[in-house]
Amino acid sequence: MRDFNVQVRVIPCLDVKDGRVVKGVNFIDLRDAGDPVAAAVAYDAAGADELTFWTSRPATRTAASSLDVVRRTAEACFMPLTVGGGVRTIEDIRCCWRRGPTRSPSTPRR
């Protein structure tokens, strides 16, 4: 039998809407769950390996409204950040990267 050295990584994912963390199921019946920067600082202090911000809102407002949260989080925490949802163009990715995230997944339009 092989001895696999499996390292567990903790990567919290915060669902963000209008600059606030929200909780719900499949983005339905969302309720406010607090400040995303405060949550990120708490996860960072607890030893999270990385943090992901996710939003399912249309990209027109999401990218612009999330950038401030991303910038403030990058200033307050020292862990890799990923921003997902609302990132659809190369310019969206550039804007995100200038504010701190190490990854910005995107889904190109067809």
PDB file of N, CA and C in Angstrom:
ATOM      1  N   MET A   1       0.838  -1.176   0.000  1.00  0.00           N
ATOM      2  CA  MET A   1       0.000   0.000   0.000  1.00  0.00           C
ATOM      3  C   MET A   1       0.889   1.247   0.000  1.00  0.00           C
ATOM      4  N   ARG A   2       0.520   2.230  -0.794  1.00  0.00           N
ATOM      5  CA  ARG A   2       1.284   3.472  -0.883  1.00  0.00           C
ATOM      6  C   ARG A   2       0.926   4.408   0.259  1.00  0.00           C
ATOM      7  N   ASP A   3       1.915   5.174   0.639  1.00  0.00           N
ATOM      8  CA  ASP A   3       1.695   6.198   1.648  1.00  0.00           C
ATOM      9  C   ASP A   3       1.665   7.546   0.923  1.00  0.00           C
ATOM     10  N   PHE A   4       0.479   8.070   0.733  1.00  0.00           N
ATOM     11  CA  PHE A   4       0.334   9.347   0.039  1.00  0.00           C
ATOM     12  C   PHE A   4       0.400  10.478   1.058  1.00  0.00           C
ATOM     13  N   ASN A   5       1.202  11.455   0.781  1.00  0.00           N
ATOM     14  CA  ASN A   5       1.256  12.649   1.615  1.00  0.00           C
ATOM     15  C   ASN A   5       0.280  13.662   1.040  1.00  0.00           C
ATOM     16  N   VAL A   6      -0.882  13.698   1.603  1.00  0.00           N
ATOM     17  CA  VAL A   6      -1.920  14.604   1.129  1.00  0.00           C
ATOM     18  C   VAL A   6      -1.948  15.818   2.043  1.00  0.00           C
ATOM     19  N   GLN A   7      -1.796  16.970   1.447  1.00  0.00           N
ATOM     20  CA  GLN A   7      -1.849  18.199   2.215  1.00  0.00           C
ATOM     21  C   GLN A   7      -3.211  18.845   2.007  1.00  0.00           C
ATOM     22  N   VAL A   8      -3.881  19.116   3.096  1.00  0.00           N
ATOM     23  CA  VAL A   8      -5.189  19.753   3.032  1.00  0.00           C
ATOM     24  C   VAL A   8      -4.986  21.249   2.909  1.00  0.00           C
ATOM     25  N   ARG A   9      -5.691  21.850   1.959  1.00  0.00           N
ATOM     26  CA  ARG A   9      -5.659  23.308   1.787  1.00  0.00           C
ATOM     27  C   ARG A   9      -7.024  23.855   2.143  1.00  0.00           C
ATOM     28  N   VAL A  10      -7.057  24.940   2.867  1.00  0.00           N
ATOM     29  CA  VAL A  10      -8.308  25.591   3.245  1.00  0.00           C
ATOM     30  C   VAL A  10      -8.479  26.820   2.354  1.00  0.00           C
ATOM     31  N   ILE A  11      -9.540  26.786   1.516  1.00  0.00           N
ATOM     32  CA  ILE A  11      -9.802  27.885   0.583  1.00  0.00           C
ATOM     33  C   ILE A  11     -11.261  28.307   0.730  1.00  0.00           C
ATOM     34  N   PRO A  12     -11.543  29.239   1.636  1.00  0.00           N
ATOM     35  CA  PRO A  12     -12.916  29.710   1.789  1.00  0.00           C
ATOM     36  C   PRO A  12     -13.381  30.444   0.529  1.00  0.00           C
ATOM     37  N   CYS A  13     -14.660  30.327   0.246  1.00  0.00           N
ATOM     38  CA  CYS A  13     -15.275  31.038  -0.885  1.00  0.00           C
ATOM     39  C   CYS A  13     -16.389  31.907  -0.328  1.00  0.00           C
ATOM     40  N   LEU A  14     -16.256  33.207  -0.520  1.00  0.00           N
ATOM     41  CA  LEU A  14     -17.261  34.144  -0.040  1.00  0.00           C
ATOM     42  C   LEU A  14     -18.132  34.607  -1.201  1.00  0.00           C
ATOM     43  N   ASP A  15     -19.429  34.398  -1.087  1.00  0.00           N
ATOM     44  CA  ASP A  15     -20.380  34.895  -2.075  1.00  0.00           C
ATOM     45  C   ASP A  15     -20.639  36.363  -1.761  1.00  0.00           C
ATOM     46  N   VAL A  16     -20.407  37.236  -2.757  1.00  0.00           N
ATOM     47  CA  VAL A  16     -20.511  38.676  -2.540  1.00  0.00           C
ATOM     48  C   VAL A  16     -21.567  39.267  -3.462  1.00  0.00           C
ATOM     49  N   LYS A  17     -22.401  40.118  -2.878  1.00  0.00           N
ATOM     50  CA  LYS A  17     -23.423  40.844  -3.649  1.00  0.00           C
ATOM     51  C   LYS A  17     -23.461  42.267  -3.107  1.00  0.00           C
ATOM     52  N   ASP A  18     -23.328  43.232  -3.992  1.00  0.00           N
ATOM     53  CA  ASP A  18     -23.361  44.648  -3.612  1.00  0.00           C
ATOM     54  C   ASP A  18     -22.388  44.975  -2.483  1.00  0.00           C
ATOM     55  N   GLY A  19     -21.192  44.373  -2.534  1.00  0.00           N
ATOM     56  CA  GLY A  19     -20.169  44.680  -1.562  1.00  0.00           C
ATOM     57  C   GLY A  19     -20.350  44.027  -0.202  1.00  0.00           C
ATOM     58  N   ARG A  20     -21.253  43.066  -0.075  1.00  0.00           N
ATOM     59  CA  ARG A  20     -21.509  42.383   1.190  1.00  0.00           C
ATOM     60  C   ARG A  20     -21.451  40.877   0.987  1.00  0.00           C
ATOM     61  N   VAL A  21     -21.017  40.149   2.015  1.00  0.00           N
ATOM     62  CA  VAL A  21     -21.065  38.692   1.967  1.00  0.00           C
ATOM     63  C   VAL A  21     -22.527  38.287   2.149  1.00  0.00           C
ATOM     64  N   VAL A  22     -22.985  37.341   1.333  1.00  0.00           N
ATOM     65  CA  VAL A  22     -24.364  36.851   1.443  1.00  0.00           C
ATOM     66  C   VAL A  22     -24.364  35.336   1.594  1.00  0.00           C
ATOM     67  N   LYS A  23     -25.409  34.839   2.229  1.00  0.00           N
ATOM     68  CA  LYS A  23     -25.601  33.402   2.388  1.00  0.00           C
ATOM     69  C   LYS A  23     -26.944  33.044   1.770  1.00  0.00           C
ATOM     70  N   GLY A  24     -26.992  31.884   1.138  1.00  0.00           N
ATOM     71  CA  GLY A  24     -28.215  31.386   0.528  1.00  0.00           C
ATOM     72  C   GLY A  24     -27.929  30.045  -0.113  1.00  0.00           C
ATOM     73  N   VAL A  25     -28.910  29.546  -0.828  1.00  0.00           N
ATOM     74  CA  VAL A  25     -28.745  28.302  -1.561  1.00  0.00           C
ATOM     75  C   VAL A  25     -28.966  28.608  -3.031  1.00  0.00           C
ATOM     76  N   ASN A  26     -27.954  28.337  -3.854  1.00  0.00           N
ATOM     77  CA  ASN A  26     -28.010  28.630  -5.295  1.00  0.00           C
ATOM     78  C   ASN A  26     -28.357  30.090  -5.568  1.00  0.00           C
ATOM     79  N   PHE A  27     -27.838  30.989  -4.742  1.00  0.00           N
ATOM     80  CA  PHE A  27     -28.069  32.427  -4.853  1.00  0.00           C
ATOM     81  C   PHE A  27     -29.552  32.787  -4.790  1.00  0.00           C
ATOM     82  N   ILE A  28     -30.337  32.006  -4.043  1.00  0.00           N
ATOM     83  CA  ILE A  28     -31.763  32.267  -3.836  1.00  0.00           C
ATOM     84  C   ILE A  28     -31.970  32.525  -2.351  1.00  0.00           C
ATOM     85  N   ASP A  29     -32.894  33.437  -2.032  1.00  0.00           N
ATOM     86  CA  ASP A  29     -33.191  33.800  -0.645  1.00  0.00           C
ATOM     87  C   ASP A  29     -31.929  34.227   0.093  1.00  0.00           C
ATOM     88  N   LEU A  30     -31.197  35.152  -0.519  1.00  0.00           N
ATOM     89  CA  LEU A  30     -29.939  35.603   0.068  1.00  0.00           C
ATOM     90  C   LEU A  30     -30.187  36.464   1.297  1.00  0.00           C
ATOM     91  N   ARG A  31     -29.319  36.287   2.292  1.00  0.00           N
ATOM     92  CA  ARG A  31     -29.357  37.144   3.477  1.00  0.00           C
ATOM     93  C   ARG A  31     -27.952  37.685   3.722  1.00  0.00           C
ATOM     94  N   ASP A  32     -27.896  38.866   4.273  1.00  0.00           N
ATOM     95  CA  ASP A  32     -26.619  39.515   4.535  1.00  0.00           C
ATOM     96  C   ASP A  32     -25.844  38.724   5.585  1.00  0.00           C
ATOM     97  N   ALA A  33     -24.553  38.523   5.328  1.00  0.00           N
ATOM     98  CA  ALA A  33     -23.708  37.782   6.267  1.00  0.00           C
ATOM     99  C   ALA A  33     -22.480  38.587   6.676  1.00  0.00           C
ATOM    100  N   GLY A  34     -22.451  39.874   6.378  1.00  0.00           N
ATOM    101  CA  GLY A  34     -21.383  40.717   6.892  1.00  0.00           C
ATOM    102  C   GLY A  34     -20.447  41.311   5.866  1.00  0.00           C
ATOM    103  N   ASP A  35     -19.432  41.961   6.395  1.00  0.00           N
ATOM    104  CA  ASP A  35     -18.430  42.666   5.599  1.00  0.00           C
ATOM    105  C   ASP A  35     -17.415  41.668   5.036  1.00  0.00           C
ATOM    106  N   PRO A  36     -17.195  41.655   3.723  1.00  0.00           N
ATOM    107  CA  PRO A  36     -16.260  40.700   3.138  1.00  0.00           C
ATOM    108  C   PRO A  36     -14.810  40.905   3.585  1.00  0.00           C
ATOM    109  N   VAL A  37     -14.410  42.140   3.819  1.00  0.00           N
ATOM    110  CA  VAL A  37     -13.031  42.387   4.248  1.00  0.00           C
ATOM    111  C   VAL A  37     -12.831  41.849   5.663  1.00  0.00           C
ATOM    112  N   ALA A  38     -13.782  42.065   6.543  1.00  0.00           N
ATOM    113  CA  ALA A  38     -13.688  41.541   7.908  1.00  0.00           C
ATOM    114  C   ALA A  38     -13.654  40.011   7.894  1.00  0.00           C
ATOM    115  N   ALA A  39     -14.465  39.401   7.048  1.00  0.00           N
ATOM    116  CA  ALA A  39     -14.465  37.938   6.933  1.00  0.00           C
ATOM    117  C   ALA A  39     -13.116  37.447   6.407  1.00  0.00           C
ATOM    118  N   ALA A  40     -12.571  38.144   5.423  1.00  0.00           N
ATOM    119  CA  ALA A  40     -11.268  37.762   4.860  1.00  0.00           C
ATOM    120  C   ALA A  40     -10.167  37.874   5.905  1.00  0.00           C
ATOM    121  N   VAL A  41     -10.194  38.926   6.695  1.00  0.00           N
ATOM    122  CA  VAL A  41      -9.188  39.106   7.748  1.00  0.00           C
ATOM    123  C   VAL A  41      -9.291  37.965   8.763  1.00  0.00           C
ATOM    124  N   ALA A  42     -10.518  37.577   9.112  1.00  0.00           N
ATOM    125  CA  ALA A  42     -10.708  36.478  10.066  1.00  0.00           C
ATOM    126  C   ALA A  42     -10.186  35.164   9.489  1.00  0.00           C
ATOM    127  N   TYR A  43     -10.483  34.892   8.214  1.00  0.00           N
ATOM    128  CA  TYR A  43      -9.968  33.666   7.586  1.00  0.00           C
ATOM    129  C   TYR A  43      -8.445  33.683   7.489  1.00  0.00           C
ATOM    130  N   ASP A  44      -7.880  34.838   7.175  1.00  0.00           N
ATOM    131  CA  ASP A  44      -6.432  34.969   7.093  1.00  0.00           C
ATOM    132  C   ASP A  44      -5.794  34.677   8.453  1.00  0.00           C
ATOM    133  N   ALA A  45      -6.370  35.256   9.503  1.00  0.00           N
ATOM    134  CA  ALA A  45      -5.848  35.043  10.853  1.00  0.00           C
ATOM    135  C   ALA A  45      -5.982  33.583  11.283  1.00  0.00           C
ATOM    136  N   ALA A  46      -7.005  32.898  10.769  1.00  0.00           N
ATOM    137  CA  ALA A  46      -7.228  31.494  11.115  1.00  0.00           C
ATOM    138  C   ALA A  46      -6.351  30.546  10.297  1.00  0.00           C
ATOM    139  N   GLY A  47      -5.604  31.100   9.334  1.00  0.00           N
ATOM    140  CA  GLY A  47      -4.659  30.283   8.576  1.00  0.00           C
ATOM    141  C   GLY A  47      -5.152  29.770   7.237  1.00  0.00           C
ATOM    142  N   ALA A  48      -6.180  30.383   6.668  1.00  0.00           N
ATOM    143  CA  ALA A  48      -6.648  29.963   5.336  1.00  0.00           C
ATOM    144  C   ALA A  48      -5.515  30.102   4.328  1.00  0.00           C
ATOM    145  N   ASP A  49      -5.472  29.170   3.378  1.00  0.00           N
ATOM    146  CA  ASP A  49      -4.406  29.166   2.376  1.00  0.00           C
ATOM    147  C   ASP A  49      -4.661  30.146   1.236  1.00  0.00           C
ATOM    148  N   GLU A  50      -5.900  30.444   0.989  1.00  0.00           N
ATOM    149  CA  GLU A  50      -6.301  31.275  -0.146  1.00  0.00           C
ATOM    150  C   GLU A  50      -7.736  31.701   0.112  1.00  0.00           C
ATOM    151  N   LEU A  51      -8.207  32.735  -0.578  1.00  0.00           N
ATOM    152  CA  LEU A  51      -9.587  33.190  -0.437  1.00  0.00           C
ATOM    153  C   LEU A  51     -10.167  33.451  -1.816  1.00  0.00           C
ATOM    154  N   THR A  52     -11.415  33.061  -2.002  1.00  0.00           N
ATOM    155  CA  THR A  52     -12.111  33.299  -3.260  1.00  0.00           C
ATOM    156  C   THR A  52     -13.337  34.166  -3.016  1.00  0.00           C
ATOM    157  N   PHE A  53     -13.468  35.224  -3.803  1.00  0.00           N
ATOM    158  CA  PHE A  53     -14.693  36.021  -3.846  1.00  0.00           C
ATOM    159  C   PHE A  53     -15.477  35.570  -5.066  1.00  0.00           C
ATOM    160  N   TRP A  54     -16.738  35.317  -4.896  1.00  0.00           N
ATOM    161  CA  TRP A  54     -17.571  34.863  -6.008  1.00  0.00           C
ATOM    162  C   TRP A  54     -18.854  35.679  -6.058  1.00  0.00           C
ATOM    163  N   THR A  55     -19.290  36.037  -7.247  1.00  0.00           N
ATOM    164  CA  THR A  55     -20.567  36.712  -7.422  1.00  0.00           C
ATOM    165  C   THR A  55     -21.238  36.182  -8.673  1.00  0.00           C
ATOM    166  N   SER A  56     -22.541  36.106  -8.653  1.00  0.00           N
ATOM    167  CA  SER A  56     -23.277  35.633  -9.829  1.00  0.00           C
ATOM    168  C   SER A  56     -24.043  36.763 -10.497  1.00  0.00           C
ATOM    169  N   ARG A  57     -23.806  37.988 -10.076  1.00  0.00           N
ATOM    170  CA  ARG A  57     -24.516  39.132 -10.648  1.00  0.00           C
ATOM    171  C   ARG A  57     -24.005  39.443 -12.048  1.00  0.00           C
ATOM    172  N   PRO A  58     -24.834  40.119 -12.835  1.00  0.00           N
ATOM    173  CA  PRO A  58     -24.375  40.514 -14.170  1.00  0.00           C
ATOM    174  C   PRO A  58     -23.106  41.355 -14.095  1.00  0.00           C
ATOM    175  N   ALA A  59     -22.248  41.175 -15.067  1.00  0.00           N
ATOM    176  CA  ALA A  59     -20.908  41.773 -15.046  1.00  0.00           C
ATOM    177  C   ALA A  59     -20.910  43.293 -15.084  1.00  0.00           C
ATOM    178  N   THR A  60     -21.962  43.929 -15.567  1.00  0.00           N
ATOM    179  CA  THR A  60     -21.924  45.373 -15.730  1.00  0.00           C
ATOM    180  C   THR A  60     -21.682  46.097 -14.418  1.00  0.00           C
ATOM    181  N   ARG A  61     -22.311  45.654 -13.327  1.00  0.00           N
ATOM    182  CA  ARG A  61     -22.094  46.313 -12.043  1.00  0.00           C
ATOM    183  C   ARG A  61     -21.133  45.539 -11.168  1.00  0.00           C
ATOM    184  N   THR A  62     -21.040  44.263 -11.355  1.00  0.00           N
ATOM    185  CA  THR A  62     -20.254  43.420 -10.461  1.00  0.00           C
ATOM    186  C   THR A  62     -18.786  43.783 -10.456  1.00  0.00           C
ATOM    187  N   ALA A  63     -18.178  43.851 -11.616  1.00  0.00           N
ATOM    188  CA  ALA A  63     -16.735  44.096 -11.673  1.00  0.00           C
ATOM    189  C   ALA A  63     -16.388  45.408 -10.986  1.00  0.00           C
ATOM    190  N   ALA A  64     -17.125  46.461 -11.278  1.00  0.00           N
ATOM    191  CA  ALA A  64     -16.823  47.762 -10.692  1.00  0.00           C
ATOM    192  C   ALA A  64     -17.071  47.770  -9.191  1.00  0.00           C
ATOM    193  N   SER A  65     -18.173  47.189  -8.736  1.00  0.00           N
ATOM    194  CA  SER A  65     -18.482  47.230  -7.309  1.00  0.00           C
ATOM    195  C   SER A  65     -17.582  46.314  -6.500  1.00  0.00           C
ATOM    196  N   SER A  66     -17.090  45.233  -7.093  1.00  0.00           N
ATOM    197  CA  SER A  66     -16.237  44.294  -6.375  1.00  0.00           C
ATOM    198  C   SER A  66     -14.792  44.775  -6.261  1.00  0.00           C
ATOM    199  N   LEU A  67     -14.374  45.652  -7.148  1.00  0.00           N
ATOM    200  CA  LEU A  67     -12.970  46.072  -7.154  1.00  0.00           C
ATOM    201  C   LEU A  67     -12.556  46.743  -5.854  1.00  0.00           C
ATOM    202  N   ASP A  68     -13.449  47.533  -5.259  1.00  0.00           N
ATOM    203  CA  ASP A  68     -13.113  48.184  -3.998  1.00  0.00           C
ATOM    204  C   ASP A  68     -12.946  47.148  -2.890  1.00  0.00           C
ATOM    205  N   VAL A  69     -13.826  46.154  -2.844  1.00  0.00           N
ATOM    206  CA  VAL A  69     -13.716  45.082  -1.852  1.00  0.00           C
ATOM    207  C   VAL A  69     -12.401  44.327  -2.055  1.00  0.00           C
ATOM    208  N   VAL A  70     -12.062  44.038  -3.297  1.00  0.00           N
ATOM    209  CA  VAL A  70     -10.822  43.323  -3.612  1.00  0.00           C
ATOM    210  C   VAL A  70      -9.607  44.134  -3.169  1.00  0.00           C
ATOM    211  N   ARG A  71      -9.605  45.415  -3.476  1.00  0.00           N
ATOM    212  CA  ARG A  71      -8.482  46.281  -3.106  1.00  0.00           C
ATOM    213  C   ARG A  71      -8.320  46.332  -1.590  1.00  0.00           C
ATOM    214  N   ARG A  72      -9.419  46.553  -0.862  1.00  0.00           N
ATOM    215  CA  ARG A  72      -9.339  46.645   0.597  1.00  0.00           C
ATOM    216  C   ARG A  72      -8.900  45.318   1.217  1.00  0.00           C
ATOM    217  N   THR A  73      -9.343  44.211   0.634  1.00  0.00           N
ATOM    218  CA  THR A  73      -8.946  42.900   1.144  1.00  0.00           C
ATOM    219  C   THR A  73      -7.463  42.663   0.912  1.00  0.00           C
ATOM    220  N   ALA A  74      -6.976  42.996  -0.278  1.00  0.00           N
ATOM    221  CA  ALA A  74      -5.554  42.812  -0.592  1.00  0.00           C
ATOM    222  C   ALA A  74      -4.678  43.655   0.322  1.00  0.00           C
ATOM    223  N   GLU A  75      -5.151  44.820   0.723  1.00  0.00           N
ATOM    224  CA  GLU A  75      -4.390  45.670   1.630  1.00  0.00           C
ATOM    225  C   GLU A  75      -4.375  45.107   3.054  1.00  0.00           C
ATOM    226  N   ALA A  76      -5.439  44.376   3.436  1.00  0.00           N
ATOM    227  CA  ALA A  76      -5.580  43.905   4.818  1.00  0.00           C
ATOM    228  C   ALA A  76      -5.058  42.489   5.037  1.00  0.00           C
ATOM    229  N   CYS A  77      -4.933  41.711   3.966  1.00  0.00           N
ATOM    230  CA  CYS A  77      -4.573  40.294   4.113  1.00  0.00           C
ATOM    231  C   CYS A  77      -3.354  39.947   3.272  1.00  0.00           C
ATOM    232  N   PHE A  78      -2.654  38.915   3.738  1.00  0.00           N
ATOM    233  CA  PHE A  78      -1.523  38.419   2.962  1.00  0.00           C
ATOM    234  C   PHE A  78      -1.770  36.952   2.651  1.00  0.00           C
ATOM    235  N   MET A  79      -2.646  36.709   1.693  1.00  0.00           N
ATOM    236  CA  MET A  79      -2.914  35.363   1.188  1.00  0.00           C
ATOM    237  C   MET A  79      -3.376  35.529  -0.250  1.00  0.00           C
ATOM    238  N   PRO A  80      -3.213  34.505  -1.067  1.00  0.00           N
ATOM    239  CA  PRO A  80      -3.668  34.616  -2.450  1.00  0.00           C
ATOM    240  C   PRO A  80      -5.181  34.851  -2.525  1.00  0.00           C
ATOM    241  N   LEU A  81      -5.592  35.708  -3.450  1.00  0.00           N
ATOM    242  CA  LEU A  81      -7.012  36.009  -3.668  1.00  0.00           C
ATOM    243  C   LEU A  81      -7.409  35.574  -5.070  1.00  0.00           C
ATOM    244  N   THR A  82      -8.622  35.047  -5.175  1.00  0.00           N
ATOM    245  CA  THR A  82      -9.212  34.733  -6.473  1.00  0.00           C
ATOM    246  C   THR A  82     -10.526  35.482  -6.558  1.00  0.00           C
ATOM    247  N   VAL A  83     -10.792  36.089  -7.697  1.00  0.00           N
ATOM    248  CA  VAL A  83     -12.054  36.786  -7.927  1.00  0.00           C
ATOM    249  C   VAL A  83     -12.766  36.077  -9.058  1.00  0.00           C
ATOM    250  N   GLY A  84     -13.988  35.628  -8.806  1.00  0.00           N
ATOM    251  CA  GLY A  84     -14.762  34.921  -9.827  1.00  0.00           C
ATOM    252  C   GLY A  84     -16.148  35.526  -9.976  1.00  0.00           C
ATOM    253  N   GLY A  85     -16.664  35.440 -11.172  1.00  0.00           N
ATOM    254  CA  GLY A  85     -17.972  36.007 -11.459  1.00  0.00           C
ATOM    255  C   GLY A  85     -17.823  37.462 -11.868  1.00  0.00           C
ATOM    256  N   GLY A  86     -18.426  37.824 -12.954  1.00  0.00           N
ATOM    257  CA  GLY A  86     -18.359  39.196 -13.413  1.00  0.00           C
ATOM    258  C   GLY A  86     -17.054  39.566 -14.092  1.00  0.00           C
ATOM    259  N   VAL A  87     -16.136  38.644 -14.221  1.00  0.00           N
ATOM    260  CA  VAL A  87     -14.856  38.898 -14.883  1.00  0.00           C
ATOM    261  C   VAL A  87     -14.973  38.306 -16.278  1.00  0.00           C
ATOM    262  N   ARG A  88     -15.167  39.188 -17.263  1.00  0.00           N
ATOM    263  CA  ARG A  88     -15.454  38.678 -18.606  1.00  0.00           C
ATOM    264  C   ARG A  88     -14.526  39.174 -19.693  1.00  0.00           C
ATOM    265  N   THR A  89     -13.787  40.208 -19.401  1.00  0.00           N
ATOM    266  CA  THR A  89     -12.918  40.755 -20.436  1.00  0.00           C
ATOM    267  C   THR A  89     -11.482  40.822 -19.922  1.00  0.00           C
ATOM    268  N   ILE A  90     -10.566  41.004 -20.837  1.00  0.00           N
ATOM    269  CA  ILE A  90      -9.162  41.175 -20.458  1.00  0.00           C
ATOM    270  C   ILE A  90      -9.013  42.403 -19.572  1.00  0.00           C
ATOM    271  N   GLU A  91      -9.750  43.454 -19.860  1.00  0.00           N
ATOM    272  CA  GLU A  91      -9.671  44.659 -19.044  1.00  0.00           C
ATOM    273  C   GLU A  91     -10.181  44.401 -17.625  1.00  0.00           C
ATOM    274  N   ASP A  92     -11.249  43.598 -17.468  1.00  0.00           N
ATOM    275  CA  ASP A  92     -11.719  43.215 -16.126  1.00  0.00           C
ATOM    276  C   ASP A  92     -10.607  42.509 -15.356  1.00  0.00           C
ATOM    277  N   ILE A  93      -9.907  41.602 -16.034  1.00  0.00           N
ATOM    278  CA  ILE A  93      -8.816  40.862 -15.394  1.00  0.00           C
ATOM    279  C   ILE A  93      -7.696  41.818 -14.994  1.00  0.00           C
ATOM    280  N   ARG A  94      -7.344  42.720 -15.881  1.00  0.00           N
ATOM    281  CA  ARG A  94      -6.285  43.696 -15.563  1.00  0.00           C
ATOM    282  C   ARG A  94      -6.676  44.548 -14.361  1.00  0.00           C
ATOM    283  N   CYS A  95      -7.927  45.008 -14.332  1.00  0.00           N
ATOM    284  CA  CYS A  95      -8.396  45.824 -13.208  1.00  0.00           C
ATOM    285  C   CYS A  95      -8.306  45.053 -11.902  1.00  0.00           C
ATOM    286  N   CYS A  96      -8.690  43.792 -11.938  1.00  0.00           N
ATOM    287  CA  CYS A  96      -8.603  42.961 -10.734  1.00  0.00           C
ATOM    288  C   CYS A  96      -7.161  42.782 -10.302  1.00  0.00           C
ATOM    289  N   TRP A  97      -6.296  42.419 -11.218  1.00  0.00           N
ATOM    290  CA  TRP A  97      -4.895  42.145 -10.881  1.00  0.00           C
ATOM    291  C   TRP A  97      -4.203  43.364 -10.292  1.00  0.00           C
ATOM    292  N   ARG A  98      -4.573  44.551 -10.764  1.00  0.00           N
ATOM    293  CA  ARG A  98      -3.966  45.766 -10.222  1.00  0.00           C
ATOM    294  C   ARG A  98      -4.337  45.986  -8.766  1.00  0.00           C
ATOM    295  N   ARG A  99      -5.392  45.322  -8.327  1.00  0.00           N
ATOM    296  CA  ARG A  99      -5.870  45.489  -6.959  1.00  0.00           C
ATOM    297  C   ARG A  99      -5.468  44.351  -6.040  1.00  0.00           C
ATOM    298  N   GLY A 100      -4.799  43.312  -6.556  1.00  0.00           N
ATOM    299  CA  GLY A 100      -4.260  42.317  -5.667  1.00  0.00           C
ATOM    300  C   GLY A 100      -4.510  40.846  -5.940  1.00  0.00           C
ATOM    301  N   PRO A 101      -5.593  40.433  -6.575  1.00  0.00           N
ATOM    302  CA  PRO A 101      -5.817  38.991  -6.748  1.00  0.00           C
ATOM    303  C   PRO A 101      -4.738  38.331  -7.590  1.00  0.00           C
ATOM    304  N   THR A 102      -4.505  37.068  -7.270  1.00  0.00           N
ATOM    305  CA  THR A 102      -3.521  36.314  -8.045  1.00  0.00           C
ATOM    306  C   THR A 102      -4.193  35.540  -9.162  1.00  0.00           C
ATOM    307  N   ARG A 103      -5.519  35.385  -9.073  1.00  0.00           N
ATOM    308  CA  ARG A 103      -6.267  34.677 -10.127  1.00  0.00           C
ATOM    309  C   ARG A 103      -7.590  35.375 -10.375  1.00  0.00           C
ATOM    310  N   SER A 104      -8.015  35.352 -11.629  1.00  0.00           N
ATOM    311  CA  SER A 104      -9.317  35.889 -12.011  1.00  0.00           C
ATOM    312  C   SER A 104      -9.924  34.984 -13.074  1.00  0.00           C
ATOM    313  N   PRO A 105     -10.640  33.943 -12.662  1.00  0.00           N
ATOM    314  CA  PRO A 105     -11.254  33.072 -13.662  1.00  0.00           C
ATOM    315  C   PRO A 105     -12.290  33.827 -14.481  1.00  0.00           C
ATOM    316  N   SER A 106     -12.413  33.500 -15.740  1.00  0.00           N
ATOM    317  CA  SER A 106     -13.393  34.169 -16.589  1.00  0.00           C
ATOM    318  C   SER A 106     -14.045  33.167 -17.516  1.00  0.00           C
ATOM    319  N   THR A 107     -15.237  33.532 -17.958  1.00  0.00           N
ATOM    320  CA  THR A 107     -15.952  32.720 -18.927  1.00  0.00           C
ATOM    321  C   THR A 107     -16.197  33.589 -20.154  1.00  0.00           C
ATOM    322  N   PRO A 108     -15.533  33.308 -21.251  1.00  0.00           N
ATOM    323  CA  PRO A 108     -15.715  34.136 -22.439  1.00  0.00           C
ATOM    324  C   PRO A 108     -17.113  33.969 -23.017  1.00  0.00           C
ATOM    325  N   ARG A 109     -17.615  35.039 -23.572  1.00  0.00           N
ATOM    326  CA  ARG A 109     -18.920  34.980 -24.251  1.00  0.00           C
ATOM    327  C   ARG A 109     -18.748  34.341 -25.610  1.00  0.00           C
ATOM    328  N   ARG A 110     -19.754  33.604 -25.999  1.00  0.00           N
ATOM    329  CA  ARG A 110     -19.709  32.938 -27.307  1.00  0.00           C
ATOM    330  C   ARG A 110     -20.557  33.657 -28.299  1.00  0.00           C
TER     331      ARG A 110
END
